[in-house]
């Protein structure tokens, strides 16, 4: 295999703030909402509302049943190169439904990129790992799954 070395323009790693924003209840759902910001960006109410409207449009009407537990999480990422959005909800005992959205820089109109296979950046992946551990601790490792404990597990960290 012949591989040419290509010089990539890679920016040095900078930590970003990941903040729990709220426990959002569209219908019967319980969705943990996280915000992620690059050092040069902030989350504003307009972006948060557009993100929640986007996710509300894809959530199944029935929060529970057919393997759904009515709990999940979402992340709104104000990055330098655009706005990113993801939503996940727990299904069966150990699986997730996942959706990814992107809005171009300066826009709050999110486009579904789930079918493209595009998923996470490294900061968004951190949220996923945290939520995985919270699910294991609160639901899978307990004799009686504790959804309230899961919903109280909240990430606030600069990573």
C-alpha atoms as a PDB file:
ATOM      1  CA  UNK A   1       0.000   0.000   0.000  1.00  0.00           C
ATOM      2  CA  UNK A   2       1.427   3.342  -1.016  1.00  0.00           C
ATOM      3  CA  UNK A   3       0.444   6.093   1.388  1.00  0.00           C
ATOM      4  CA  UNK A   4       1.592   9.637   0.819  1.00  0.00           C
ATOM      5  CA  UNK A   5       2.179  11.771   3.864  1.00  0.00           C
ATOM      6  CA  UNK A   6      -0.042  14.782   3.700  1.00  0.00           C
ATOM      7  CA  UNK A   7       0.511  17.766   5.936  1.00  0.00           C
ATOM      8  CA  UNK A   8      -2.767  18.461   7.712  1.00  0.00           C
ATOM      9  CA  UNK A   9      -3.613  21.828   9.167  1.00  0.00           C
ATOM     10  CA  UNK A  10      -4.481  20.639  12.661  1.00  0.00           C
ATOM     11  CA  UNK A  11      -5.176  23.172  15.375  1.00  0.00           C
ATOM     12  CA  UNK A  12      -3.769  22.414  18.827  1.00  0.00           C
ATOM     13  CA  UNK A  13      -6.267  20.870  21.228  1.00  0.00           C
ATOM     14  CA  UNK A  14      -8.165  23.330  23.403  1.00  0.00           C
ATOM     15  CA  UNK A  15     -10.478  22.335  26.197  1.00  0.00           C
ATOM     16  CA  UNK A  16     -14.135  23.227  25.815  1.00  0.00           C
ATOM     17  CA  UNK A  17     -16.815  23.753  28.413  1.00  0.00           C
ATOM     18  CA  UNK A  18     -19.531  21.105  28.589  1.00  0.00           C
ATOM     19  CA  UNK A  19     -22.467  22.318  30.664  1.00  0.00           C
ATOM     20  CA  UNK A  20     -25.695  20.698  31.764  1.00  0.00           C
ATOM     21  CA  UNK A  21     -28.337  23.252  30.752  1.00  0.00           C
ATOM     22  CA  UNK A  22     -31.630  21.700  31.834  1.00  0.00           C
ATOM     23  CA  UNK A  23     -33.823  18.666  32.094  1.00  0.00           C
ATOM     24  CA  UNK A  24     -36.214  19.218  29.203  1.00  0.00           C
ATOM     25  CA  UNK A  25     -39.638  17.572  29.090  1.00  0.00           C
ATOM     26  CA  UNK A  26     -41.166  17.621  25.615  1.00  0.00           C
ATOM     27  CA  UNK A  27     -44.355  15.590  26.034  1.00  0.00           C
ATOM     28  CA  UNK A  28     -43.585  12.659  28.322  1.00  0.00           C
ATOM     29  CA  UNK A  29     -39.863  12.655  27.513  1.00  0.00           C
ATOM     30  CA  UNK A  30     -37.053  13.437  29.961  1.00  0.00           C
ATOM     31  CA  UNK A  31     -34.110  14.757  27.944  1.00  0.00           C
ATOM     32  CA  UNK A  32     -30.892  16.022  29.518  1.00  0.00           C
ATOM     33  CA  UNK A  33     -29.733  19.069  27.543  1.00  0.00           C
ATOM     34  CA  UNK A  34     -26.019  19.852  27.317  1.00  0.00           C
ATOM     35  CA  UNK A  35     -24.241  22.831  25.839  1.00  0.00           C
ATOM     36  CA  UNK A  36     -20.717  22.680  24.440  1.00  0.00           C
ATOM     37  CA  UNK A  37     -18.854  25.839  23.465  1.00  0.00           C
ATOM     38  CA  UNK A  38     -15.608  26.553  21.719  1.00  0.00           C
ATOM     39  CA  UNK A  39     -13.534  29.282  23.434  1.00  0.00           C
ATOM     40  CA  UNK A  40     -14.746  31.886  20.927  1.00  0.00           C
ATOM     41  CA  UNK A  41     -18.473  31.039  21.048  1.00  0.00           C
ATOM     42  CA  UNK A  42     -21.419  31.238  23.413  1.00  0.00           C
ATOM     43  CA  UNK A  43     -24.789  29.519  23.415  1.00  0.00           C
ATOM     44  CA  UNK A  44     -27.692  31.890  23.037  1.00  0.00           C
ATOM     45  CA  UNK A  45     -31.404  31.365  23.636  1.00  0.00           C
ATOM     46  CA  UNK A  46     -32.208  31.446  19.909  1.00  0.00           C
ATOM     47  CA  UNK A  47     -29.778  28.601  19.184  1.00  0.00           C
ATOM     48  CA  UNK A  48     -31.060  26.549  22.129  1.00  0.00           C
ATOM     49  CA  UNK A  49     -34.683  27.021  21.053  1.00  0.00           C
ATOM     50  CA  UNK A  50     -33.908  26.040  17.438  1.00  0.00           C
ATOM     51  CA  UNK A  51     -32.084  22.940  18.685  1.00  0.00           C
ATOM     52  CA  UNK A  52     -34.962  21.886  20.944  1.00  0.00           C
ATOM     53  CA  UNK A  53     -37.497  22.477  18.140  1.00  0.00           C
ATOM     54  CA  UNK A  54     -35.396  20.277  15.852  1.00  0.00           C
ATOM     55  CA  UNK A  55     -35.193  17.457  18.384  1.00  0.00           C
ATOM     56  CA  UNK A  56     -38.883  17.712  19.306  1.00  0.00           C
ATOM     57  CA  UNK A  57     -39.689  17.081  15.641  1.00  0.00           C
ATOM     58  CA  UNK A  58     -37.886  13.705  15.603  1.00  0.00           C
ATOM     59  CA  UNK A  59     -38.794  12.302  19.027  1.00  0.00           C
ATOM     60  CA  UNK A  60     -41.360   9.513  18.882  1.00  0.00           C
ATOM     61  CA  UNK A  61     -44.730  10.730  20.203  1.00  0.00           C
ATOM     62  CA  UNK A  62     -44.862   7.923  22.745  1.00  0.00           C
ATOM     63  CA  UNK A  63     -41.919   8.348  25.088  1.00  0.00           C
ATOM     64  CA  UNK A  64     -42.258   4.861  26.526  1.00  0.00           C
ATOM     65  CA  UNK A  65     -43.124   1.531  24.980  1.00  0.00           C
ATOM     66  CA  UNK A  66     -41.648  -0.456  22.099  1.00  0.00           C
ATOM     67  CA  UNK A  67     -38.368  -0.593  24.027  1.00  0.00           C
ATOM     68  CA  UNK A  68     -38.214   3.136  24.835  1.00  0.00           C
ATOM     69  CA  UNK A  69     -37.745   4.336  28.427  1.00  0.00           C
ATOM     70  CA  UNK A  70     -38.632   7.987  27.820  1.00  0.00           C
ATOM     71  CA  UNK A  71     -35.138   9.208  28.754  1.00  0.00           C
ATOM     72  CA  UNK A  72     -32.204  10.473  26.760  1.00  0.00           C
ATOM     73  CA  UNK A  73     -29.841  13.360  26.197  1.00  0.00           C
ATOM     74  CA  UNK A  74     -28.949  15.953  23.613  1.00  0.00           C
ATOM     75  CA  UNK A  75     -26.031  18.280  22.988  1.00  0.00           C
ATOM     76  CA  UNK A  76     -25.865  21.683  21.344  1.00  0.00           C
ATOM     77  CA  UNK A  77     -22.335  22.487  20.241  1.00  0.00           C
ATOM     78  CA  UNK A  78     -21.477  26.073  19.300  1.00  0.00           C
ATOM     79  CA  UNK A  79     -18.242  25.381  17.424  1.00  0.00           C
ATOM     80  CA  UNK A  80     -16.001  27.642  15.368  1.00  0.00           C
ATOM     81  CA  UNK A  81     -17.096  26.061  12.093  1.00  0.00           C
ATOM     82  CA  UNK A  82     -20.845  25.865  12.737  1.00  0.00           C
ATOM     83  CA  UNK A  83     -23.510  24.647  15.110  1.00  0.00           C
ATOM     84  CA  UNK A  84     -23.798  20.948  15.795  1.00  0.00           C
ATOM     85  CA  UNK A  85     -26.622  19.083  17.456  1.00  0.00           C
ATOM     86  CA  UNK A  86     -27.082  15.495  18.533  1.00  0.00           C
ATOM     87  CA  UNK A  87     -29.804  13.608  20.337  1.00  0.00           C
ATOM     88  CA  UNK A  88     -29.864  10.133  21.798  1.00  0.00           C
ATOM     89  CA  UNK A  89     -32.456   8.148  23.693  1.00  0.00           C
ATOM     90  CA  UNK A  90     -32.174   4.843  25.432  1.00  0.00           C
ATOM     91  CA  UNK A  91     -33.833   1.861  23.864  1.00  0.00           C
ATOM     92  CA  UNK A  92     -34.158  -1.653  25.235  1.00  0.00           C
ATOM     93  CA  UNK A  93     -31.707  -2.152  28.058  1.00  0.00           C
ATOM     94  CA  UNK A  94     -28.408  -1.099  26.494  1.00  0.00           C
ATOM     95  CA  UNK A  95     -28.926   0.555  23.117  1.00  0.00           C
ATOM     96  CA  UNK A  96     -29.247   4.113  21.840  1.00  0.00           C
ATOM     97  CA  UNK A  97     -31.102   5.787  19.038  1.00  0.00           C
ATOM     98  CA  UNK A  98     -28.859   8.547  17.681  1.00  0.00           C
ATOM     99  CA  UNK A  99     -29.432  11.566  15.429  1.00  0.00           C
ATOM    100  CA  UNK A 100     -26.926  14.209  14.252  1.00  0.00           C
ATOM    101  CA  UNK A 101     -27.632  17.664  12.830  1.00  0.00           C
ATOM    102  CA  UNK A 102     -25.495  20.516  11.497  1.00  0.00           C
ATOM    103  CA  UNK A 103     -26.194  24.220  10.902  1.00  0.00           C
ATOM    104  CA  UNK A 104     -23.721  26.267   8.903  1.00  0.00           C
ATOM    105  CA  UNK A 105     -21.844  29.072  10.690  1.00  0.00           C
ATOM    106  CA  UNK A 106     -24.210  31.863  11.678  1.00  0.00           C
ATOM    107  CA  UNK A 107     -27.316  29.724  11.055  1.00  0.00           C
ATOM    108  CA  UNK A 108     -29.808  28.071  13.376  1.00  0.00           C
ATOM    109  CA  UNK A 109     -31.415  25.968  10.639  1.00  0.00           C
ATOM    110  CA  UNK A 110     -30.299  22.426  11.436  1.00  0.00           C
ATOM    111  CA  UNK A 111     -29.976  19.768   8.737  1.00  0.00           C
ATOM    112  CA  UNK A 112     -30.151  16.078   9.561  1.00  0.00           C
ATOM    113  CA  UNK A 113     -26.821  14.417   8.703  1.00  0.00           C
ATOM    114  CA  UNK A 114     -27.601  11.117  10.416  1.00  0.00           C
ATOM    115  CA  UNK A 115     -27.852   9.183   7.110  1.00  0.00           C
ATOM    116  CA  UNK A 116     -24.346  10.349   6.134  1.00  0.00           C
ATOM    117  CA  UNK A 117     -22.810   8.478   9.054  1.00  0.00           C
ATOM    118  CA  UNK A 118     -21.408  11.665  10.588  1.00  0.00           C
ATOM    119  CA  UNK A 119     -21.667  11.372  14.350  1.00  0.00           C
ATOM    120  CA  UNK A 120     -19.459  13.026  16.924  1.00  0.00           C
ATOM    121  CA  UNK A 121     -16.507  15.276  17.439  1.00  0.00           C
ATOM    122  CA  UNK A 122     -14.189  14.564  20.359  1.00  0.00           C
ATOM    123  CA  UNK A 123     -16.059  16.865  22.770  1.00  0.00           C
ATOM    124  CA  UNK A 124     -19.460  15.443  21.847  1.00  0.00           C
ATOM    125  CA  UNK A 125     -18.034  11.946  22.233  1.00  0.00           C
ATOM    126  CA  UNK A 126     -17.111  12.845  25.818  1.00  0.00           C
ATOM    127  CA  UNK A 127     -20.803  13.483  26.574  1.00  0.00           C
ATOM    128  CA  UNK A 128     -21.697  10.112  25.085  1.00  0.00           C
ATOM    129  CA  UNK A 129     -19.098   8.372  27.280  1.00  0.00           C
ATOM    130  CA  UNK A 130     -20.364  10.143  30.379  1.00  0.00           C
ATOM    131  CA  UNK A 131     -23.971   9.202  29.617  1.00  0.00           C
ATOM    132  CA  UNK A 132     -22.936   5.595  28.986  1.00  0.00           C
ATOM    133  CA  UNK A 133     -21.352   5.386  32.435  1.00  0.00           C
ATOM    134  CA  UNK A 134     -24.376   7.051  34.064  1.00  0.00           C
ATOM    135  CA  UNK A 135     -26.684   4.508  32.395  1.00  0.00           C
ATOM    136  CA  UNK A 136     -24.566   1.588  33.574  1.00  0.00           C
ATOM    137  CA  UNK A 137     -24.407   2.913  37.163  1.00  0.00           C
ATOM    138  CA  UNK A 138     -28.062   3.914  37.443  1.00  0.00           C
ATOM    139  CA  UNK A 139     -29.873   1.343  35.351  1.00  0.00           C
ATOM    140  CA  UNK A 140     -27.847  -1.709  34.368  1.00  0.00           C
ATOM    141  CA  UNK A 141     -25.885  -2.216  37.610  1.00  0.00           C
ATOM    142  CA  UNK A 142     -28.861  -1.765  39.942  1.00  0.00           C
ATOM    143  CA  UNK A 143     -31.198  -4.558  41.042  1.00  0.00           C
ATOM    144  CA  UNK A 144     -33.960  -2.012  40.437  1.00  0.00           C
ATOM    145  CA  UNK A 145     -33.176   0.360  37.542  1.00  0.00           C
ATOM    146  CA  UNK A 146     -33.251   3.929  38.844  1.00  0.00           C
ATOM    147  CA  UNK A 147     -34.247   6.406  36.116  1.00  0.00           C
ATOM    148  CA  UNK A 148     -34.359   9.264  38.627  1.00  0.00           C
ATOM    149  CA  UNK A 149     -30.707   8.608  39.542  1.00  0.00           C
ATOM    150  CA  UNK A 150     -29.838   8.518  35.835  1.00  0.00           C
ATOM    151  CA  UNK A 151     -31.538  11.857  35.210  1.00  0.00           C
ATOM    152  CA  UNK A 152     -29.723  13.407  38.198  1.00  0.00           C
ATOM    153  CA  UNK A 153     -26.301  12.415  36.797  1.00  0.00           C
ATOM    154  CA  UNK A 154     -25.181  15.588  35.027  1.00  0.00           C
ATOM    155  CA  UNK A 155     -21.940  16.572  33.360  1.00  0.00           C
ATOM    156  CA  UNK A 156     -20.395  20.002  33.965  1.00  0.00           C
ATOM    157  CA  UNK A 157     -16.746  19.989  33.039  1.00  0.00           C
ATOM    158  CA  UNK A 158     -14.116  21.598  30.871  1.00  0.00           C
ATOM    159  CA  UNK A 159     -12.551  18.872  28.745  1.00  0.00           C
END
